[in-house]
Amino acid sequence: MAKPSVLFICTHNSARSQMAEGLLRAKYGDRYEVASAGTEQTHVRPLAIQAMSEAGIDITDHTSTTIDVVTADRSFDIVVTVCDHAREACPYVPARQQTLHRSFDDPSAATGTDEEQLAVFRRVRDEIARWIDDTFGA
């Protein structure tokens, strides 16, 4: 029996959706097939990679991609938008089973020193991790 597929969507597919993909795969990859995409293609933020590495999850091989590319030849059981902008701006992506929305602060918008910015990435990572446990861990 195939695992349910989950697609995390955010604006740039550079931080929140990448962290969500990495967290769900690391925590419950035995139960879910996971991908992420954005409304625009950019790059995975180095501070997202660092924050995830500190949690023991390697996302250095992740790349930013668009919704059109990811959904060109497949559909997903569960589609999750992780930011308000993506929820409002993204094209309709039908989910076979469920569409979810949970907005998290954009850590890429953090200002201050490198350490202050990293602290925001860590906080958002931890918020996403708790939400994933509550939503997918049951």
N, C-alpha and C. Protein backbone atom coordinates (compact mmCIF):
# COMPACT_ATOMS: atom_id res chain seq x y z
N MET A 1 0.85 -1.18 0.00
CA MET A 1 0.00 0.00 0.00
C MET A 1 0.89 1.24 0.00
N ALA A 2 0.56 2.18 -0.87
CA ALA A 2 1.36 3.39 -1.00
C ALA A 2 1.15 4.31 0.19
N LYS A 3 2.22 5.01 0.54
CA LYS A 3 2.13 6.00 1.61
C LYS A 3 1.40 7.23 1.10
N PRO A 4 0.61 7.90 1.97
CA PRO A 4 -0.01 9.16 1.55
C PRO A 4 1.08 10.18 1.20
N SER A 5 0.82 10.96 0.17
CA SER A 5 1.78 11.98 -0.26
C SER A 5 1.37 13.35 0.27
N VAL A 6 2.38 14.12 0.68
CA VAL A 6 2.16 15.44 1.26
C VAL A 6 3.00 16.45 0.49
N LEU A 7 2.37 17.56 0.12
CA LEU A 7 3.07 18.67 -0.53
C LEU A 7 2.95 19.91 0.34
N PHE A 8 4.11 20.45 0.75
CA PHE A 8 4.15 21.72 1.49
C PHE A 8 4.41 22.84 0.50
N ILE A 9 3.61 23.90 0.59
CA ILE A 9 3.73 25.03 -0.33
C ILE A 9 3.98 26.31 0.45
N CYS A 10 4.94 27.09 -0.05
CA CYS A 10 5.23 28.41 0.48
C CYS A 10 5.59 29.30 -0.70
N THR A 11 5.80 30.56 -0.46
CA THR A 11 6.03 31.49 -1.56
C THR A 11 7.29 31.13 -2.36
N HIS A 12 8.44 31.09 -1.71
CA HIS A 12 9.70 30.90 -2.42
C HIS A 12 10.29 29.50 -2.29
N ASN A 13 9.67 28.65 -1.51
CA ASN A 13 10.20 27.31 -1.29
C ASN A 13 11.67 27.40 -0.86
N SER A 14 11.93 28.32 0.08
CA SER A 14 13.31 28.56 0.50
C SER A 14 13.55 28.32 1.98
N ALA A 15 12.50 28.32 2.80
CA ALA A 15 12.70 28.15 4.25
C ALA A 15 11.60 27.30 4.87
N ARG A 16 10.41 27.89 5.07
CA ARG A 16 9.35 27.19 5.80
C ARG A 16 8.94 25.87 5.16
N SER A 17 8.66 25.88 3.87
CA SER A 17 8.25 24.64 3.20
C SER A 17 9.39 23.64 3.15
N GLN A 18 10.61 24.12 3.01
CA GLN A 18 11.78 23.23 3.00
C GLN A 18 11.97 22.59 4.38
N MET A 19 11.83 23.39 5.43
CA MET A 19 11.97 22.85 6.78
C MET A 19 10.85 21.86 7.08
N ALA A 20 9.63 22.19 6.64
CA ALA A 20 8.50 21.28 6.86
C ALA A 20 8.73 19.95 6.13
N GLU A 21 9.20 20.03 4.90
CA GLU A 21 9.49 18.81 4.15
C GLU A 21 10.54 17.97 4.87
N GLY A 22 11.62 18.60 5.29
CA GLY A 22 12.68 17.87 5.98
C GLY A 22 12.22 17.28 7.29
N LEU A 23 11.43 18.03 8.04
CA LEU A 23 10.94 17.55 9.34
C LEU A 23 9.99 16.38 9.19
N LEU A 24 9.03 16.49 8.27
CA LEU A 24 8.07 15.39 8.10
C LEU A 24 8.79 14.14 7.60
N ARG A 25 9.71 14.30 6.67
CA ARG A 25 10.45 13.15 6.15
C ARG A 25 11.27 12.50 7.27
N ALA A 26 11.94 13.31 8.09
CA ALA A 26 12.78 12.76 9.16
C ALA A 26 11.95 12.10 10.25
N LYS A 27 10.83 12.71 10.61
CA LYS A 27 10.03 12.21 11.73
C LYS A 27 9.08 11.09 11.32
N TYR A 28 8.46 11.22 10.14
CA TYR A 28 7.41 10.28 9.76
C TYR A 28 7.54 9.83 8.31
N GLY A 29 8.76 9.82 7.80
CA GLY A 29 9.00 9.40 6.42
C GLY A 29 8.63 7.96 6.15
N ASP A 30 8.53 7.18 7.21
CA ASP A 30 8.08 5.80 7.03
C ASP A 30 6.58 5.73 6.77
N ARG A 31 5.87 6.84 7.04
CA ARG A 31 4.41 6.87 6.88
C ARG A 31 3.94 7.79 5.76
N TYR A 32 4.80 8.74 5.33
CA TYR A 32 4.40 9.73 4.33
C TYR A 32 5.48 9.91 3.28
N GLU A 33 5.05 10.17 2.05
CA GLU A 33 5.92 10.60 0.98
C GLU A 33 5.82 12.12 0.96
N VAL A 34 6.95 12.84 0.92
CA VAL A 34 6.93 14.29 1.16
C VAL A 34 7.64 15.05 0.05
N ALA A 35 7.07 16.22 -0.30
CA ALA A 35 7.69 17.13 -1.24
C ALA A 35 7.34 18.56 -0.82
N SER A 36 8.02 19.52 -1.43
CA SER A 36 7.68 20.93 -1.20
C SER A 36 7.87 21.69 -2.49
N ALA A 37 7.20 22.85 -2.56
CA ALA A 37 7.28 23.70 -3.75
C ALA A 37 6.90 25.12 -3.37
N GLY A 38 7.12 26.03 -4.30
CA GLY A 38 6.78 27.42 -4.06
C GLY A 38 6.06 28.04 -5.24
N THR A 39 5.52 29.21 -5.01
CA THR A 39 4.90 29.94 -6.10
C THR A 39 5.98 30.58 -6.98
N GLU A 40 7.18 30.76 -6.43
CA GLU A 40 8.33 31.28 -7.16
C GLU A 40 9.55 30.44 -6.79
N GLN A 41 10.44 30.22 -7.74
CA GLN A 41 11.65 29.46 -7.47
C GLN A 41 12.78 30.41 -7.07
N THR A 42 13.44 30.08 -5.96
CA THR A 42 14.60 30.87 -5.52
C THR A 42 15.71 29.89 -5.17
N HIS A 43 16.11 29.87 -3.91
CA HIS A 43 17.12 28.94 -3.42
C HIS A 43 16.81 28.63 -1.95
N VAL A 44 17.32 27.53 -1.47
CA VAL A 44 17.12 27.18 -0.06
C VAL A 44 18.03 28.07 0.77
N ARG A 45 17.47 28.71 1.76
CA ARG A 45 18.22 29.66 2.60
C ARG A 45 19.28 28.93 3.42
N PRO A 46 20.50 29.45 3.41
CA PRO A 46 21.57 28.84 4.22
C PRO A 46 21.22 28.74 5.71
N LEU A 47 20.50 29.73 6.25
CA LEU A 47 20.14 29.66 7.67
C LEU A 47 19.09 28.57 7.92
N ALA A 48 18.26 28.26 6.94
CA ALA A 48 17.32 27.14 7.07
C ALA A 48 18.10 25.84 7.11
N ILE A 49 19.09 25.72 6.24
CA ILE A 49 19.94 24.53 6.22
C ILE A 49 20.65 24.38 7.56
N GLN A 50 21.19 25.48 8.09
CA GLN A 50 21.91 25.43 9.36
C GLN A 50 20.98 25.06 10.52
N ALA A 51 19.81 25.68 10.58
CA ALA A 51 18.86 25.39 11.66
C ALA A 51 18.43 23.92 11.62
N MET A 52 18.21 23.41 10.44
CA MET A 52 17.82 22.00 10.31
C MET A 52 18.98 21.08 10.67
N SER A 53 20.17 21.44 10.29
CA SER A 53 21.35 20.64 10.63
C SER A 53 21.52 20.54 12.14
N GLU A 54 21.26 21.64 12.84
CA GLU A 54 21.34 21.64 14.30
C GLU A 54 20.34 20.67 14.92
N ALA A 55 19.25 20.39 14.19
CA ALA A 55 18.23 19.44 14.67
C ALA A 55 18.51 18.03 14.15
N GLY A 56 19.66 17.86 13.50
CA GLY A 56 20.04 16.54 13.00
C GLY A 56 19.41 16.16 11.67
N ILE A 57 18.92 17.15 10.92
CA ILE A 57 18.26 16.88 9.65
C ILE A 57 19.02 17.61 8.54
N ASP A 58 19.46 16.87 7.54
CA ASP A 58 20.25 17.42 6.46
C ASP A 58 19.36 17.76 5.27
N ILE A 59 19.24 19.05 4.96
CA ILE A 59 18.48 19.46 3.77
C ILE A 59 19.39 20.15 2.76
N THR A 60 20.69 19.88 2.84
CA THR A 60 21.63 20.54 1.93
C THR A 60 21.37 20.16 0.47
N ASP A 61 20.79 19.01 0.21
CA ASP A 61 20.52 18.59 -1.16
C ASP A 61 19.16 19.07 -1.67
N HIS A 62 18.37 19.73 -0.82
CA HIS A 62 17.08 20.25 -1.26
C HIS A 62 17.29 21.39 -2.24
N THR A 63 16.40 21.50 -3.20
CA THR A 63 16.43 22.61 -4.13
C THR A 63 15.05 23.26 -4.17
N SER A 64 15.03 24.54 -4.43
CA SER A 64 13.78 25.27 -4.56
C SER A 64 13.17 24.93 -5.91
N THR A 65 11.87 24.67 -5.92
CA THR A 65 11.17 24.37 -7.16
C THR A 65 9.78 24.98 -7.11
N THR A 66 9.12 25.01 -8.23
CA THR A 66 7.79 25.62 -8.29
C THR A 66 6.69 24.57 -8.24
N ILE A 67 5.51 25.05 -7.92
CA ILE A 67 4.34 24.18 -7.85
C ILE A 67 4.09 23.53 -9.21
N ASP A 68 4.23 24.31 -10.29
CA ASP A 68 3.98 23.77 -11.62
C ASP A 68 4.87 22.57 -11.92
N VAL A 69 6.12 22.64 -11.53
CA VAL A 69 7.05 21.54 -11.79
C VAL A 69 6.67 20.30 -10.97
N VAL A 70 6.40 20.49 -9.70
CA VAL A 70 6.11 19.37 -8.80
C VAL A 70 4.79 18.69 -9.13
N THR A 71 3.81 19.48 -9.57
CA THR A 71 2.48 18.91 -9.82
C THR A 71 2.25 18.59 -11.30
N ALA A 72 3.27 18.74 -12.13
CA ALA A 72 3.10 18.51 -13.57
C ALA A 72 2.66 17.09 -13.90
N ASP A 73 3.21 16.12 -13.18
CA ASP A 73 2.90 14.73 -13.51
C ASP A 73 2.40 13.92 -12.33
N ARG A 74 1.96 14.62 -11.29
CA ARG A 74 1.45 13.90 -10.13
C ARG A 74 0.52 14.75 -9.30
N SER A 75 -0.24 14.08 -8.48
CA SER A 75 -1.11 14.77 -7.53
C SER A 75 -0.73 14.32 -6.12
N PHE A 76 -1.24 15.03 -5.13
CA PHE A 76 -0.89 14.77 -3.75
C PHE A 76 -2.13 14.50 -2.93
N ASP A 77 -1.98 13.64 -1.93
CA ASP A 77 -3.09 13.34 -1.04
C ASP A 77 -3.40 14.51 -0.13
N ILE A 78 -2.34 15.14 0.40
CA ILE A 78 -2.49 16.24 1.34
C ILE A 78 -1.66 17.41 0.83
N VAL A 79 -2.27 18.58 0.71
CA VAL A 79 -1.57 19.80 0.30
C VAL A 79 -1.65 20.77 1.46
N VAL A 80 -0.47 21.28 1.87
CA VAL A 80 -0.38 22.17 3.03
C VAL A 80 0.28 23.48 2.62
N THR A 81 -0.42 24.59 2.81
CA THR A 81 0.22 25.89 2.64
C THR A 81 0.73 26.32 4.01
N VAL A 82 1.98 26.80 4.05
CA VAL A 82 2.60 27.16 5.32
C VAL A 82 2.86 28.66 5.45
N CYS A 83 2.27 29.43 4.55
CA CYS A 83 2.32 30.88 4.69
C CYS A 83 1.07 31.47 4.05
N ASP A 84 0.63 32.61 4.57
CA ASP A 84 -0.59 33.24 4.08
C ASP A 84 -0.46 33.66 2.63
N HIS A 85 0.69 34.18 2.23
CA HIS A 85 0.87 34.64 0.86
C HIS A 85 0.69 33.49 -0.13
N ALA A 86 1.26 32.34 0.17
CA ALA A 86 1.10 31.19 -0.73
C ALA A 86 -0.36 30.76 -0.80
N ARG A 87 -1.03 30.82 0.32
CA ARG A 87 -2.45 30.42 0.34
C ARG A 87 -3.27 31.34 -0.56
N GLU A 88 -2.93 32.63 -0.56
CA GLU A 88 -3.67 33.60 -1.35
C GLU A 88 -3.22 33.66 -2.80
N ALA A 89 -1.92 33.45 -3.04
CA ALA A 89 -1.37 33.67 -4.38
C ALA A 89 -1.17 32.41 -5.21
N CYS A 90 -1.13 31.27 -4.58
CA CYS A 90 -0.79 30.08 -5.35
C CYS A 90 -1.98 29.62 -6.18
N PRO A 91 -1.67 29.01 -7.30
CA PRO A 91 -2.76 28.44 -8.09
C PRO A 91 -3.41 27.33 -7.28
N TYR A 92 -4.63 27.05 -7.60
CA TYR A 92 -5.34 25.99 -6.88
C TYR A 92 -4.64 24.66 -7.12
N VAL A 93 -4.25 24.03 -6.05
CA VAL A 93 -3.62 22.71 -6.12
C VAL A 93 -4.55 21.74 -5.42
N PRO A 94 -5.27 20.94 -6.17
CA PRO A 94 -6.22 20.04 -5.53
C PRO A 94 -5.52 18.92 -4.77
N ALA A 95 -6.03 18.63 -3.62
CA ALA A 95 -5.53 17.50 -2.83
C ALA A 95 -6.52 16.36 -2.98
N ARG A 96 -6.01 15.15 -3.05
CA ARG A 96 -6.90 13.99 -3.18
C ARG A 96 -7.68 13.75 -1.90
N GLN A 97 -7.09 14.12 -0.75
CA GLN A 97 -7.76 13.84 0.52
C GLN A 97 -8.04 15.08 1.35
N GLN A 98 -7.03 15.97 1.47
CA GLN A 98 -7.17 17.06 2.43
C GLN A 98 -6.28 18.23 2.05
N THR A 99 -6.80 19.44 2.25
CA THR A 99 -6.02 20.67 2.10
C THR A 99 -5.93 21.31 3.48
N LEU A 100 -4.72 21.64 3.89
CA LEU A 100 -4.48 22.25 5.20
C LEU A 100 -3.77 23.58 5.03
N HIS A 101 -3.96 24.45 6.01
CA HIS A 101 -3.23 25.71 6.03
C HIS A 101 -2.79 25.99 7.47
N ARG A 102 -1.52 26.30 7.61
CA ARG A 102 -0.97 26.73 8.90
C ARG A 102 0.14 27.72 8.59
N SER A 103 -0.10 28.97 8.88
CA SER A 103 0.87 30.01 8.56
C SER A 103 1.92 30.12 9.66
N PHE A 104 3.16 30.17 9.25
CA PHE A 104 4.29 30.38 10.15
C PHE A 104 4.99 31.67 9.75
N ASP A 105 5.59 32.35 10.72
CA ASP A 105 6.36 33.56 10.43
C ASP A 105 7.44 33.25 9.40
N ASP A 106 7.75 34.24 8.58
CA ASP A 106 8.79 34.07 7.57
C ASP A 106 10.15 34.36 8.19
N PRO A 107 10.96 33.32 8.44
CA PRO A 107 12.26 33.57 9.04
C PRO A 107 13.20 34.32 8.10
N SER A 108 12.95 34.25 6.80
CA SER A 108 13.78 34.96 5.84
C SER A 108 13.65 36.48 5.98
N ALA A 109 12.59 36.92 6.62
CA ALA A 109 12.38 38.36 6.83
C ALA A 109 13.06 38.87 8.09
N ALA A 110 13.70 37.97 8.84
CA ALA A 110 14.35 38.36 10.09
C ALA A 110 15.49 39.33 9.82
N THR A 111 15.67 40.26 10.74
CA THR A 111 16.76 41.22 10.64
C THR A 111 17.65 41.09 11.86
N GLY A 112 18.74 41.82 11.85
CA GLY A 112 19.67 41.79 12.98
C GLY A 112 20.94 41.05 12.61
N THR A 113 21.66 40.66 13.63
CA THR A 113 22.92 39.95 13.42
C THR A 113 22.62 38.55 12.86
N ASP A 114 23.65 37.88 12.38
CA ASP A 114 23.47 36.51 11.90
C ASP A 114 22.88 35.63 12.99
N GLU A 115 23.34 35.79 14.22
CA GLU A 115 22.84 34.98 15.33
C GLU A 115 21.38 35.29 15.63
N GLU A 116 21.00 36.56 15.56
CA GLU A 116 19.60 36.93 15.78
C GLU A 116 18.70 36.36 14.68
N GLN A 117 19.18 36.40 13.45
CA GLN A 117 18.41 35.82 12.35
C GLN A 117 18.30 34.31 12.51
N LEU A 118 19.40 33.66 12.87
CA LEU A 118 19.39 32.21 13.08
C LEU A 118 18.42 31.83 14.19
N ALA A 119 18.32 32.65 15.22
CA ALA A 119 17.38 32.38 16.31
C ALA A 119 15.94 32.34 15.79
N VAL A 120 15.62 33.18 14.82
CA VAL A 120 14.27 33.18 14.24
C VAL A 120 14.06 31.89 13.44
N PHE A 121 15.05 31.48 12.67
CA PHE A 121 14.94 30.22 11.93
C PHE A 121 14.75 29.05 12.89
N ARG A 122 15.46 29.05 13.99
CA ARG A 122 15.31 27.97 14.97
C ARG A 122 13.91 27.96 15.57
N ARG A 123 13.40 29.15 15.91
CA ARG A 123 12.06 29.23 16.50
C ARG A 123 11.01 28.71 15.52
N VAL A 124 11.09 29.16 14.27
CA VAL A 124 10.12 28.72 13.27
C VAL A 124 10.26 27.22 13.02
N ARG A 125 11.49 26.73 12.96
CA ARG A 125 11.72 25.27 12.82
C ARG A 125 11.02 24.51 13.93
N ASP A 126 11.17 24.97 15.15
CA ASP A 126 10.57 24.29 16.30
C ASP A 126 9.05 24.37 16.27
N GLU A 127 8.51 25.51 15.83
CA GLU A 127 7.05 25.64 15.70
C GLU A 127 6.51 24.67 14.65
N ILE A 128 7.21 24.59 13.52
CA ILE A 128 6.79 23.65 12.47
C ILE A 128 6.89 22.22 12.98
N ALA A 129 7.94 21.90 13.71
CA ALA A 129 8.12 20.54 14.23
C ALA A 129 6.97 20.16 15.16
N ARG A 130 6.58 21.07 16.04
CA ARG A 130 5.46 20.78 16.95
C ARG A 130 4.16 20.59 16.18
N TRP A 131 3.92 21.43 15.17
CA TRP A 131 2.72 21.33 14.37
C TRP A 131 2.70 19.99 13.60
N ILE A 132 3.85 19.62 13.06
CA ILE A 132 3.93 18.34 12.34
C ILE A 132 3.64 17.18 13.27
N ASP A 133 4.20 17.22 14.47
CA ASP A 133 3.90 16.15 15.44
C ASP A 133 2.40 16.09 15.74
N ASP A 134 1.79 17.25 15.97
CA ASP A 134 0.36 17.30 16.29
C ASP A 134 -0.51 16.86 15.12
N THR A 135 -0.09 17.20 13.91
CA THR A 135 -0.92 16.96 12.72
C THR A 135 -0.69 15.59 12.09
N PHE A 136 0.57 15.17 12.02
CA PHE A 136 0.90 13.94 11.31
C PHE A 136 1.35 12.81 12.22
N GLY A 137 1.64 13.12 13.46
CA GLY A 137 2.19 12.11 14.36
C GLY A 137 1.15 11.25 15.05
N ALA A 138 -0.08 11.64 14.99
CA ALA A 138 -1.14 10.90 15.71
C ALA A 138 -1.43 9.57 15.05
